[in-house]
Amino acid sequence: MLEVKPRPAARPGRPSRKDPVPDEGLSIAEAAHRTGVSAHTLRYYERAGLVISPVDRTVGGRRRYRAGDLKWIKICTKLRATGMPIKDIRRYAELVAAGPGNEQDRLELMEAHRTVVLDRLAEVQENLKVIDHKIDVYRGRLEAGDADQLWAPRPSS
């Protein structure tokens, strides 16, 4: 699964993630900072066919990311963070890049992914119930003063 870096606090003199993207675009390092993914991940997204339009380049060949690029990358990271396979993100990118006329296909892809995410959420909620039960048991036993009577594996003789 894609690793999304935690957002560091803004440093003085460094543009905020919410600042408008300048007309000349952002370098790969600036785009990485704004999107919360590494420069390596940005390059991978391009190689894997996950971007909907080619990223602009300077005369010297350096990438320049525009506001639309950043918005799309954030969508990709959300889809990936929710477990969407790369092949499905690529398919979605292809559909979006193809333009109007395939909205039903896009909807079906999103609905299928939503079903998967809801199923996983339900599983996590069931697991959370077990954790909550264990917390309740430990609190109750600690309050009753007999926590030492809780089950634990017996040392082997």
C-alpha atoms as a PDB file:
ATOM      1  CA  MET A   1       0.000   0.000   0.000  1.00  0.00           C
ATOM      2  CA  LEU A   2       1.126   3.522  -0.726  1.00  0.00           C
ATOM      3  CA  GLU A   3       2.802   5.260   2.157  1.00  0.00           C
ATOM      4  CA  VAL A   4       1.628   8.817   2.710  1.00  0.00           C
ATOM      5  CA  LYS A   5       4.037  10.922   4.709  1.00  0.00           C
ATOM      6  CA  PRO A   6       2.635  12.769   7.733  1.00  0.00           C
ATOM      7  CA  ARG A   7       2.252  16.466   7.128  1.00  0.00           C
ATOM      8  CA  PRO A   8       5.080  18.403   8.728  1.00  0.00           C
ATOM      9  CA  ALA A   9       4.423  21.780  10.259  1.00  0.00           C
ATOM     10  CA  ALA A  10       4.964  24.645   7.837  1.00  0.00           C
ATOM     11  CA  ARG A  11       8.440  26.114   8.023  1.00  0.00           C
ATOM     12  CA  PRO A  12       8.944  29.863   7.888  1.00  0.00           C
ATOM     13  CA  GLY A  13       9.587  30.977   4.315  1.00  0.00           C
ATOM     14  CA  ARG A  14       8.275  27.721   2.848  1.00  0.00           C
ATOM     15  CA  PRO A  15       4.991  27.947   0.932  1.00  0.00           C
ATOM     16  CA  SER A  16       1.992  26.377   2.583  1.00  0.00           C
ATOM     17  CA  ARG A  17       0.200  23.425   1.018  1.00  0.00           C
ATOM     18  CA  LYS A  18      -2.768  25.731   0.561  1.00  0.00           C
ATOM     19  CA  ASP A  19      -0.905  28.505  -1.260  1.00  0.00           C
ATOM     20  CA  PRO A  20      -1.894  28.865  -4.901  1.00  0.00           C
ATOM     21  CA  VAL A  21       0.328  27.095  -7.408  1.00  0.00           C
ATOM     22  CA  PRO A  22       2.423  29.676  -9.277  1.00  0.00           C
ATOM     23  CA  ASP A  23       1.944  30.037 -13.040  1.00  0.00           C
ATOM     24  CA  GLU A  24       5.319  28.429 -13.689  1.00  0.00           C
ATOM     25  CA  GLY A  25       4.261  25.364 -11.686  1.00  0.00           C
ATOM     26  CA  LEU A  26       6.083  23.555  -8.915  1.00  0.00           C
ATOM     27  CA  SER A  27       9.241  21.480  -8.901  1.00  0.00           C
ATOM     28  CA  ILE A  28       8.966  17.807  -8.051  1.00  0.00           C
ATOM     29  CA  ALA A  29      10.192  18.530  -4.494  1.00  0.00           C
ATOM     30  CA  GLU A  30       7.574  21.251  -4.036  1.00  0.00           C
ATOM     31  CA  ALA A  31       4.868  19.003  -5.498  1.00  0.00           C
ATOM     32  CA  ALA A  32       5.931  16.200  -3.161  1.00  0.00           C
ATOM     33  CA  HIS A  33       5.644  18.572  -0.204  1.00  0.00           C
ATOM     34  CA  ARG A  34       2.211  19.780  -1.298  1.00  0.00           C
ATOM     35  CA  THR A  35       0.785  16.320  -1.940  1.00  0.00           C
ATOM     36  CA  GLY A  36       2.396  14.460   0.959  1.00  0.00           C
ATOM     37  CA  VAL A  37       3.997  11.807  -1.246  1.00  0.00           C
ATOM     38  CA  SER A  38       7.635  11.352  -2.136  1.00  0.00           C
ATOM     39  CA  ALA A  39       9.277  12.519  -5.354  1.00  0.00           C
ATOM     40  CA  HIS A  40       9.825   8.823  -6.090  1.00  0.00           C
ATOM     41  CA  THR A  41       6.065   8.218  -5.844  1.00  0.00           C
ATOM     42  CA  LEU A  42       5.362  11.125  -8.189  1.00  0.00           C
ATOM     43  CA  ARG A  43       7.753   9.663 -10.763  1.00  0.00           C
ATOM     44  CA  TYR A  44       6.187   6.223 -10.266  1.00  0.00           C
ATOM     45  CA  TYR A  45       2.691   7.605 -10.873  1.00  0.00           C
ATOM     46  CA  GLU A  46       3.885   8.883 -14.234  1.00  0.00           C
ATOM     47  CA  ARG A  47       5.609   5.609 -15.199  1.00  0.00           C
ATOM     48  CA  ALA A  48       2.625   3.531 -14.066  1.00  0.00           C
ATOM     49  CA  GLY A  49       0.192   5.528 -16.189  1.00  0.00           C
ATOM     50  CA  LEU A  50      -1.710   7.003 -13.264  1.00  0.00           C
ATOM     51  CA  VAL A  51      -1.596  10.635 -14.397  1.00  0.00           C
ATOM     52  CA  ILE A  52      -4.293  11.950 -16.722  1.00  0.00           C
ATOM     53  CA  SER A  53      -2.070  14.292 -18.709  1.00  0.00           C
ATOM     54  CA  PRO A  54       1.679  14.575 -19.186  1.00  0.00           C
ATOM     55  CA  VAL A  55       3.411  16.627 -16.511  1.00  0.00           C
ATOM     56  CA  ASP A  56       4.929  19.798 -17.984  1.00  0.00           C
ATOM     57  CA  ARG A  57       8.699  20.006 -18.328  1.00  0.00           C
ATOM     58  CA  THR A  58      11.101  22.914 -18.360  1.00  0.00           C
ATOM     59  CA  VAL A  59      13.469  23.442 -21.279  1.00  0.00           C
ATOM     60  CA  GLY A  60      16.011  21.539 -19.188  1.00  0.00           C
ATOM     61  CA  GLY A  61      13.596  18.595 -18.784  1.00  0.00           C
ATOM     62  CA  ARG A  62      12.658  19.169 -15.153  1.00  0.00           C
ATOM     63  CA  ARG A  63       9.089  18.403 -14.159  1.00  0.00           C
ATOM     64  CA  ARG A  64       6.743  21.302 -13.398  1.00  0.00           C
ATOM     65  CA  TYR A  65       3.508  20.388 -11.651  1.00  0.00           C
ATOM     66  CA  ARG A  66       0.395  22.501 -12.142  1.00  0.00           C
ATOM     67  CA  ALA A  67      -2.616  22.827  -9.825  1.00  0.00           C
ATOM     68  CA  GLY A  68      -4.550  20.223 -11.810  1.00  0.00           C
ATOM     69  CA  ASP A  69      -1.682  17.762 -11.485  1.00  0.00           C
ATOM     70  CA  LEU A  70      -1.672  18.194  -7.705  1.00  0.00           C
ATOM     71  CA  LYS A  71      -5.443  17.711  -7.462  1.00  0.00           C
ATOM     72  CA  TRP A  72      -5.223  14.517  -9.509  1.00  0.00           C
ATOM     73  CA  ILE A  73      -2.301  13.173  -7.458  1.00  0.00           C
ATOM     74  CA  LYS A  74      -4.281  13.755  -4.274  1.00  0.00           C
ATOM     75  CA  ILE A  75      -7.190  11.783  -5.744  1.00  0.00           C
ATOM     76  CA  CYS A  76      -4.821   8.939  -6.626  1.00  0.00           C
ATOM     77  CA  THR A  77      -3.345   8.878  -3.128  1.00  0.00           C
ATOM     78  CA  LYS A  78      -6.835   8.730  -1.591  1.00  0.00           C
ATOM     79  CA  LEU A  79      -7.807   5.859  -3.866  1.00  0.00           C
ATOM     80  CA  ARG A  80      -4.574   4.035  -3.108  1.00  0.00           C
ATOM     81  CA  ALA A  81      -4.867   4.681   0.640  1.00  0.00           C
ATOM     82  CA  THR A  82      -8.296   3.040   0.549  1.00  0.00           C
ATOM     83  CA  GLY A  83      -6.804  -0.024  -1.102  1.00  0.00           C
ATOM     84  CA  MET A  84      -7.647   0.518  -4.760  1.00  0.00           C
ATOM     85  CA  PRO A  85      -5.241  -1.576  -6.838  1.00  0.00           C
ATOM     86  CA  ILE A  86      -2.869   0.279  -9.158  1.00  0.00           C
ATOM     87  CA  LYS A  87      -4.494  -1.377 -12.197  1.00  0.00           C
ATOM     88  CA  ASP A  88      -7.866   0.092 -11.195  1.00  0.00           C
ATOM     89  CA  ILE A  89      -6.397   3.550 -10.606  1.00  0.00           C
ATOM     90  CA  ARG A  90      -4.734   3.281 -14.009  1.00  0.00           C
ATOM     91  CA  ARG A  91      -8.076   2.304 -15.584  1.00  0.00           C
ATOM     92  CA  TYR A  92      -9.770   5.245 -13.873  1.00  0.00           C
ATOM     93  CA  ALA A  93      -7.034   7.590 -15.116  1.00  0.00           C
ATOM     94  CA  GLU A  94      -7.477   6.242 -18.651  1.00  0.00           C
ATOM     95  CA  LEU A  95     -11.214   6.851 -18.480  1.00  0.00           C
ATOM     96  CA  VAL A  96     -10.799  10.396 -17.164  1.00  0.00           C
ATOM     97  CA  ALA A  97      -8.102  11.172 -19.728  1.00  0.00           C
ATOM     98  CA  ALA A  98     -10.350   9.884 -22.533  1.00  0.00           C
ATOM     99  CA  GLY A  99     -12.837  12.641 -21.723  1.00  0.00           C
ATOM    100  CA  PRO A 100     -16.633  12.639 -21.883  1.00  0.00           C
ATOM    101  CA  GLY A 101     -18.671   9.608 -22.829  1.00  0.00           C
ATOM    102  CA  ASN A 102     -17.459   7.039 -20.285  1.00  0.00           C
ATOM    103  CA  GLU A 103     -19.041   8.394 -17.132  1.00  0.00           C
ATOM    104  CA  GLN A 104     -21.005   5.151 -16.574  1.00  0.00           C
ATOM    105  CA  ASP A 105     -17.733   3.186 -16.588  1.00  0.00           C
ATOM    106  CA  ARG A 106     -16.205   5.635 -14.093  1.00  0.00           C
ATOM    107  CA  LEU A 107     -19.266   5.347 -11.859  1.00  0.00           C
ATOM    108  CA  GLU A 108     -19.138   1.544 -11.920  1.00  0.00           C
ATOM    109  CA  LEU A 109     -15.449   1.568 -11.009  1.00  0.00           C
ATOM    110  CA  MET A 110     -16.050   3.933  -8.080  1.00  0.00           C
ATOM    111  CA  GLU A 111     -19.095   2.008  -6.860  1.00  0.00           C
ATOM    112  CA  ALA A 112     -17.173  -1.273  -6.933  1.00  0.00           C
ATOM    113  CA  HIS A 113     -14.326   0.288  -4.948  1.00  0.00           C
ATOM    114  CA  ARG A 114     -16.769   1.829  -2.485  1.00  0.00           C
ATOM    115  CA  THR A 115     -18.235  -1.623  -1.821  1.00  0.00           C
ATOM    116  CA  VAL A 116     -14.751  -2.990  -1.072  1.00  0.00           C
ATOM    117  CA  VAL A 117     -13.999  -0.068   1.263  1.00  0.00           C
ATOM    118  CA  LEU A 118     -17.310  -0.491   3.104  1.00  0.00           C
ATOM    119  CA  ASP A 119     -16.651  -4.209   3.542  1.00  0.00           C
ATOM    120  CA  ARG A 120     -13.224  -3.457   5.013  1.00  0.00           C
ATOM    121  CA  LEU A 121     -14.691  -0.796   7.302  1.00  0.00           C
ATOM    122  CA  ALA A 122     -17.249  -3.304   8.576  1.00  0.00           C
ATOM    123  CA  GLU A 123     -14.446  -5.777   9.292  1.00  0.00           C
ATOM    124  CA  VAL A 124     -12.439  -3.116  11.138  1.00  0.00           C
ATOM    125  CA  GLN A 125     -15.523  -2.175  13.168  1.00  0.00           C
ATOM    126  CA  GLU A 126     -15.989  -5.824  14.189  1.00  0.00           C
ATOM    127  CA  ASN A 127     -12.344  -5.974  15.229  1.00  0.00           C
ATOM    128  CA  LEU A 128     -12.781  -2.766  17.196  1.00  0.00           C
ATOM    129  CA  LYS A 129     -15.654  -4.375  19.128  1.00  0.00           C
ATOM    130  CA  VAL A 130     -13.251  -7.092  20.324  1.00  0.00           C
ATOM    131  CA  ILE A 131     -10.723  -4.455  21.387  1.00  0.00           C
ATOM    132  CA  ASP A 132     -13.414  -2.447  23.197  1.00  0.00           C
ATOM    133  CA  HIS A 133     -14.565  -5.597  24.992  1.00  0.00           C
ATOM    134  CA  LYS A 134     -11.017  -6.342  26.150  1.00  0.00           C
ATOM    135  CA  ILE A 135     -10.652  -2.752  27.392  1.00  0.00           C
ATOM    136  CA  ASP A 136     -13.909  -3.078  29.333  1.00  0.00           C
ATOM    137  CA  VAL A 137     -12.755  -6.359  30.881  1.00  0.00           C
ATOM    138  CA  TYR A 138      -9.390  -4.925  31.979  1.00  0.00           C
ATOM    139  CA  ARG A 139     -10.976  -1.758  33.397  1.00  0.00           C
ATOM    140  CA  GLY A 140     -13.568  -3.774  35.288  1.00  0.00           C
ATOM    141  CA  ARG A 141     -11.009  -6.175  36.707  1.00  0.00           C
ATOM    142  CA  LEU A 142      -8.639  -3.385  37.677  1.00  0.00           C
ATOM    143  CA  GLU A 143     -11.461  -1.526  39.437  1.00  0.00           C
ATOM    144  CA  ALA A 144     -12.555  -4.733  41.189  1.00  0.00           C
ATOM    145  CA  GLY A 145      -8.977  -5.381  42.282  1.00  0.00           C
ATOM    146  CA  ASP A 146      -8.796  -8.872  40.812  1.00  0.00           C
ATOM    147  CA  ALA A 147      -6.992  -8.197  37.528  1.00  0.00           C
ATOM    148  CA  ASP A 148      -4.407 -10.800  38.510  1.00  0.00           C
ATOM    149  CA  GLN A 149      -7.133 -13.411  37.973  1.00  0.00           C
ATOM    150  CA  LEU A 150      -7.391 -12.653  34.261  1.00  0.00           C
ATOM    151  CA  TRP A 151      -6.483 -15.475  31.956  1.00  0.00           C
ATOM    152  CA  ALA A 152      -2.866 -15.769  30.959  1.00  0.00           C
ATOM    153  CA  PRO A 153      -0.916 -18.677  29.537  1.00  0.00           C
ATOM    154  CA  ARG A 154       0.419 -20.935  32.250  1.00  0.00           C
ATOM    155  CA  PRO A 155       4.192 -21.347  32.329  1.00  0.00           C
ATOM    156  CA  SER A 156       5.188 -24.766  31.066  1.00  0.00           C
ATOM    157  CA  SER A 157       6.685 -27.115  33.601  1.00  0.00           C
END
